[in-house]
């Protein structure tokens, strides 16, 4: 019993991302959404810019997401102006309206970096161990560790 394996040539990544397949279509849509978000944010007042996100496009309607109901109300009043702004961009003439959603956006928090300090006495111990060690790699590692101590 043998398994027949289809041997296909590897395709370049650019061909996959910009081609006519599903991935290419997805990437084009993502670029269009990013373009719409950038254009809209550039024409909004400064206090709302960071609160507007373009969520997607379906059936002629662009989804606008904001993190507060206050901004959602403001966006509803500005619908016609926003639609006119979008129609200025090539490729967005087919947008007929918006879906509005309120979703809290939680920014990614970078965990705090824990910096440990090495006391001068610990550095002296590491240096003396390095002096007594014959293995060159271990000696170098101990000396490097000892160099991290704050010495006055």
C-alpha atoms as a PDB file:
ATOM      1  CA  UNK A   1       0.000   0.000   0.000  1.00  0.00           C
ATOM      2  CA  UNK A   2       1.403   3.367  -0.918  1.00  0.00           C
ATOM      3  CA  UNK A   3       0.258   6.891  -0.339  1.00  0.00           C
ATOM      4  CA  UNK A   4       0.302   9.169  -3.330  1.00  0.00           C
ATOM      5  CA  UNK A   5       1.442  12.600  -2.351  1.00  0.00           C
ATOM      6  CA  UNK A   6       0.689  15.587  -4.524  1.00  0.00           C
ATOM      7  CA  UNK A   7       3.917  17.399  -5.058  1.00  0.00           C
ATOM      8  CA  UNK A   8       3.188  21.074  -5.427  1.00  0.00           C
ATOM      9  CA  UNK A   9       5.801  23.714  -5.660  1.00  0.00           C
ATOM     10  CA  UNK A  10       6.174  26.135  -2.838  1.00  0.00           C
ATOM     11  CA  UNK A  11       4.561  29.445  -3.633  1.00  0.00           C
ATOM     12  CA  UNK A  12       6.091  32.790  -2.753  1.00  0.00           C
ATOM     13  CA  UNK A  13       4.427  34.558   0.164  1.00  0.00           C
ATOM     14  CA  UNK A  14       3.748  37.665  -1.912  1.00  0.00           C
ATOM     15  CA  UNK A  15       1.812  35.531  -4.381  1.00  0.00           C
ATOM     16  CA  UNK A  16      -0.369  34.149  -1.619  1.00  0.00           C
ATOM     17  CA  UNK A  17      -1.022  37.507   0.032  1.00  0.00           C
ATOM     18  CA  UNK A  18      -1.707  39.413  -3.181  1.00  0.00           C
ATOM     19  CA  UNK A  19      -3.149  36.622  -5.321  1.00  0.00           C
ATOM     20  CA  UNK A  20      -6.692  35.806  -6.290  1.00  0.00           C
ATOM     21  CA  UNK A  21      -7.304  33.250  -3.557  1.00  0.00           C
ATOM     22  CA  UNK A  22      -9.088  33.612  -0.243  1.00  0.00           C
ATOM     23  CA  UNK A  23      -5.998  34.881   1.553  1.00  0.00           C
ATOM     24  CA  UNK A  24      -5.408  37.550  -1.082  1.00  0.00           C
ATOM     25  CA  UNK A  25      -9.008  38.704  -0.799  1.00  0.00           C
ATOM     26  CA  UNK A  26      -8.729  38.833   2.978  1.00  0.00           C
ATOM     27  CA  UNK A  27      -5.530  40.889   2.806  1.00  0.00           C
ATOM     28  CA  UNK A  28      -7.089  43.356   0.337  1.00  0.00           C
ATOM     29  CA  UNK A  29     -10.085  43.790   2.641  1.00  0.00           C
ATOM     30  CA  UNK A  30      -7.807  44.317   5.643  1.00  0.00           C
ATOM     31  CA  UNK A  31      -5.837  46.975   3.738  1.00  0.00           C
ATOM     32  CA  UNK A  32      -9.064  48.743   2.728  1.00  0.00           C
ATOM     33  CA  UNK A  33     -10.336  48.726   6.315  1.00  0.00           C
ATOM     34  CA  UNK A  34      -7.006  50.128   7.538  1.00  0.00           C
ATOM     35  CA  UNK A  35      -7.152  52.801   4.839  1.00  0.00           C
ATOM     36  CA  UNK A  36     -10.698  53.777   5.877  1.00  0.00           C
ATOM     37  CA  UNK A  37      -9.740  53.946   9.552  1.00  0.00           C
ATOM     38  CA  UNK A  38      -6.685  56.101   8.847  1.00  0.00           C
ATOM     39  CA  UNK A  39      -8.662  58.465   6.612  1.00  0.00           C
ATOM     40  CA  UNK A  40     -11.545  58.841   9.059  1.00  0.00           C
ATOM     41  CA  UNK A  41      -9.260  59.366  12.050  1.00  0.00           C
ATOM     42  CA  UNK A  42      -7.323  62.047  10.172  1.00  0.00           C
ATOM     43  CA  UNK A  43     -10.529  64.067   9.724  1.00  0.00           C
ATOM     44  CA  UNK A  44     -11.971  63.619  13.225  1.00  0.00           C
ATOM     45  CA  UNK A  45     -11.462  65.896  16.228  1.00  0.00           C
ATOM     46  CA  UNK A  46      -8.463  64.929  18.336  1.00  0.00           C
ATOM     47  CA  UNK A  47     -10.480  63.790  21.358  1.00  0.00           C
ATOM     48  CA  UNK A  48     -12.337  61.050  19.419  1.00  0.00           C
ATOM     49  CA  UNK A  49      -9.552  59.752  17.133  1.00  0.00           C
ATOM     50  CA  UNK A  50      -8.326  57.023  19.462  1.00  0.00           C
ATOM     51  CA  UNK A  51     -11.868  55.891  20.214  1.00  0.00           C
ATOM     52  CA  UNK A  52     -12.854  55.013  16.628  1.00  0.00           C
ATOM     53  CA  UNK A  53     -12.110  51.658  15.031  1.00  0.00           C
ATOM     54  CA  UNK A  54     -13.338  50.333  11.707  1.00  0.00           C
ATOM     55  CA  UNK A  55     -14.517  46.794  12.327  1.00  0.00           C
ATOM     56  CA  UNK A  56     -15.466  45.474   8.921  1.00  0.00           C
ATOM     57  CA  UNK A  57     -17.467  45.843   5.730  1.00  0.00           C
ATOM     58  CA  UNK A  58     -20.521  43.853   4.736  1.00  0.00           C
ATOM     59  CA  UNK A  59     -23.372  44.449   2.302  1.00  0.00           C
ATOM     60  CA  UNK A  60     -22.415  48.045   1.615  1.00  0.00           C
ATOM     61  CA  UNK A  61     -22.189  49.056   5.259  1.00  0.00           C
ATOM     62  CA  UNK A  62     -19.024  49.800   7.206  1.00  0.00           C
ATOM     63  CA  UNK A  63     -18.955  48.832  10.889  1.00  0.00           C
ATOM     64  CA  UNK A  64     -17.644  51.564  13.175  1.00  0.00           C
ATOM     65  CA  UNK A  65     -16.709  50.536  16.703  1.00  0.00           C
ATOM     66  CA  UNK A  66     -16.204  52.875  19.616  1.00  0.00           C
ATOM     67  CA  UNK A  67     -15.501  52.247  23.277  1.00  0.00           C
ATOM     68  CA  UNK A  68     -18.166  54.580  24.729  1.00  0.00           C
ATOM     69  CA  UNK A  69     -21.809  55.354  24.052  1.00  0.00           C
ATOM     70  CA  UNK A  70     -20.995  59.079  24.084  1.00  0.00           C
ATOM     71  CA  UNK A  71     -18.810  58.701  21.017  1.00  0.00           C
ATOM     72  CA  UNK A  72     -21.398  56.476  19.365  1.00  0.00           C
ATOM     73  CA  UNK A  73     -24.006  59.228  19.695  1.00  0.00           C
ATOM     74  CA  UNK A  74     -21.569  61.749  18.227  1.00  0.00           C
ATOM     75  CA  UNK A  75     -20.789  59.414  15.313  1.00  0.00           C
ATOM     76  CA  UNK A  76     -24.500  58.994  14.563  1.00  0.00           C
ATOM     77  CA  UNK A  77     -24.910  62.755  14.292  1.00  0.00           C
ATOM     78  CA  UNK A  78     -21.870  62.932  11.995  1.00  0.00           C
ATOM     79  CA  UNK A  79     -22.954  60.026   9.743  1.00  0.00           C
ATOM     80  CA  UNK A  80     -23.467  62.062   6.573  1.00  0.00           C
ATOM     81  CA  UNK A  81     -20.156  63.892   6.918  1.00  0.00           C
ATOM     82  CA  UNK A  82     -18.305  60.622   7.566  1.00  0.00           C
ATOM     83  CA  UNK A  83     -19.964  59.029   4.554  1.00  0.00           C
ATOM     84  CA  UNK A  84     -18.894  61.985   2.379  1.00  0.00           C
ATOM     85  CA  UNK A  85     -15.326  61.609   3.710  1.00  0.00           C
ATOM     86  CA  UNK A  86     -15.289  57.926   2.801  1.00  0.00           C
ATOM     87  CA  UNK A  87     -16.607  58.572  -0.687  1.00  0.00           C
ATOM     88  CA  UNK A  88     -13.485  60.693  -1.298  1.00  0.00           C
ATOM     89  CA  UNK A  89     -11.370  57.521  -1.123  1.00  0.00           C
ATOM     90  CA  UNK A  90     -11.123  55.302  -4.208  1.00  0.00           C
ATOM     91  CA  UNK A  91     -12.800  51.966  -3.575  1.00  0.00           C
ATOM     92  CA  UNK A  92     -15.292  53.274  -1.019  1.00  0.00           C
ATOM     93  CA  UNK A  93     -17.943  54.628  -3.379  1.00  0.00           C
ATOM     94  CA  UNK A  94     -20.107  51.568  -2.656  1.00  0.00           C
ATOM     95  CA  UNK A  95     -20.397  52.324   1.083  1.00  0.00           C
ATOM     96  CA  UNK A  96     -24.039  53.230   1.721  1.00  0.00           C
ATOM     97  CA  UNK A  97     -24.043  53.546   5.490  1.00  0.00           C
ATOM     98  CA  UNK A  98     -22.689  52.421   8.818  1.00  0.00           C
ATOM     99  CA  UNK A  99     -23.307  49.881  11.533  1.00  0.00           C
ATOM    100  CA  UNK A 100     -22.363  51.317  14.926  1.00  0.00           C
ATOM    101  CA  UNK A 101     -21.206  49.218  17.859  1.00  0.00           C
ATOM    102  CA  UNK A 102     -19.959  49.963  21.343  1.00  0.00           C
ATOM    103  CA  UNK A 103     -17.217  47.584  22.437  1.00  0.00           C
ATOM    104  CA  UNK A 104     -14.749  48.331  25.211  1.00  0.00           C
ATOM    105  CA  UNK A 105     -11.257  48.245  23.794  1.00  0.00           C
ATOM    106  CA  UNK A 106      -8.666  47.137  26.289  1.00  0.00           C
ATOM    107  CA  UNK A 107      -5.153  48.167  25.303  1.00  0.00           C
ATOM    108  CA  UNK A 108      -2.453  45.554  25.548  1.00  0.00           C
ATOM    109  CA  UNK A 109      -0.547  46.097  28.756  1.00  0.00           C
ATOM    110  CA  UNK A 110       3.119  45.291  28.732  1.00  0.00           C
ATOM    111  CA  UNK A 111       4.039  43.443  31.903  1.00  0.00           C
ATOM    112  CA  UNK A 112       6.404  45.388  34.141  1.00  0.00           C
ATOM    113  CA  UNK A 113      10.018  44.441  33.771  1.00  0.00           C
ATOM    114  CA  UNK A 114      11.604  43.046  36.890  1.00  0.00           C
ATOM    115  CA  UNK A 115      15.116  44.357  37.273  1.00  0.00           C
ATOM    116  CA  UNK A 116      17.219  42.607  39.836  1.00  0.00           C
ATOM    117  CA  UNK A 117      20.206  44.254  41.423  1.00  0.00           C
ATOM    118  CA  UNK A 118      23.411  42.528  42.350  1.00  0.00           C
ATOM    119  CA  UNK A 119      25.131  43.656  45.512  1.00  0.00           C
ATOM    120  CA  UNK A 120      28.859  44.467  45.453  1.00  0.00           C
ATOM    121  CA  UNK A 121      29.598  41.641  47.897  1.00  0.00           C
ATOM    122  CA  UNK A 122      27.839  39.115  45.621  1.00  0.00           C
ATOM    123  CA  UNK A 123      29.821  40.481  42.677  1.00  0.00           C
ATOM    124  CA  UNK A 124      33.056  39.992  44.640  1.00  0.00           C
ATOM    125  CA  UNK A 125      32.096  36.370  45.353  1.00  0.00           C
ATOM    126  CA  UNK A 126      31.336  35.759  41.663  1.00  0.00           C
ATOM    127  CA  UNK A 127      34.658  37.345  40.670  1.00  0.00           C
ATOM    128  CA  UNK A 128      36.598  35.165  43.106  1.00  0.00           C
ATOM    129  CA  UNK A 129      34.772  32.069  41.796  1.00  0.00           C
ATOM    130  CA  UNK A 130      35.661  33.107  38.253  1.00  0.00           C
ATOM    131  CA  UNK A 131      39.315  33.485  39.255  1.00  0.00           C
ATOM    132  CA  UNK A 132      39.354  29.945  40.684  1.00  0.00           C
ATOM    133  CA  UNK A 133      37.569  28.357  37.695  1.00  0.00           C
ATOM    134  CA  UNK A 134      39.528  26.632  34.949  1.00  0.00           C
ATOM    135  CA  UNK A 135      36.660  26.254  32.431  1.00  0.00           C
ATOM    136  CA  UNK A 136      36.940  29.313  30.119  1.00  0.00           C
ATOM    137  CA  UNK A 137      33.221  29.442  29.254  1.00  0.00           C
ATOM    138  CA  UNK A 138      32.145  29.274  32.893  1.00  0.00           C
ATOM    139  CA  UNK A 139      34.807  31.817  33.854  1.00  0.00           C
ATOM    140  CA  UNK A 140      33.546  34.263  31.219  1.00  0.00           C
ATOM    141  CA  UNK A 141      29.919  33.781  32.315  1.00  0.00           C
ATOM    142  CA  UNK A 142      30.774  34.415  35.984  1.00  0.00           C
ATOM    143  CA  UNK A 143      32.735  37.537  35.095  1.00  0.00           C
ATOM    144  CA  UNK A 144      29.838  38.793  33.001  1.00  0.00           C
ATOM    145  CA  UNK A 145      27.448  38.235  35.911  1.00  0.00           C
ATOM    146  CA  UNK A 146      29.780  40.002  38.310  1.00  0.00           C
ATOM    147  CA  UNK A 147      29.956  43.024  35.987  1.00  0.00           C
ATOM    148  CA  UNK A 148      26.225  43.702  36.588  1.00  0.00           C
ATOM    149  CA  UNK A 149      26.799  44.841  40.165  1.00  0.00           C
ATOM    150  CA  UNK A 150      26.518  48.511  40.960  1.00  0.00           C
ATOM    151  CA  UNK A 151      29.885  49.597  42.267  1.00  0.00           C
ATOM    152  CA  UNK A 152      30.717  53.060  43.473  1.00  0.00           C
END
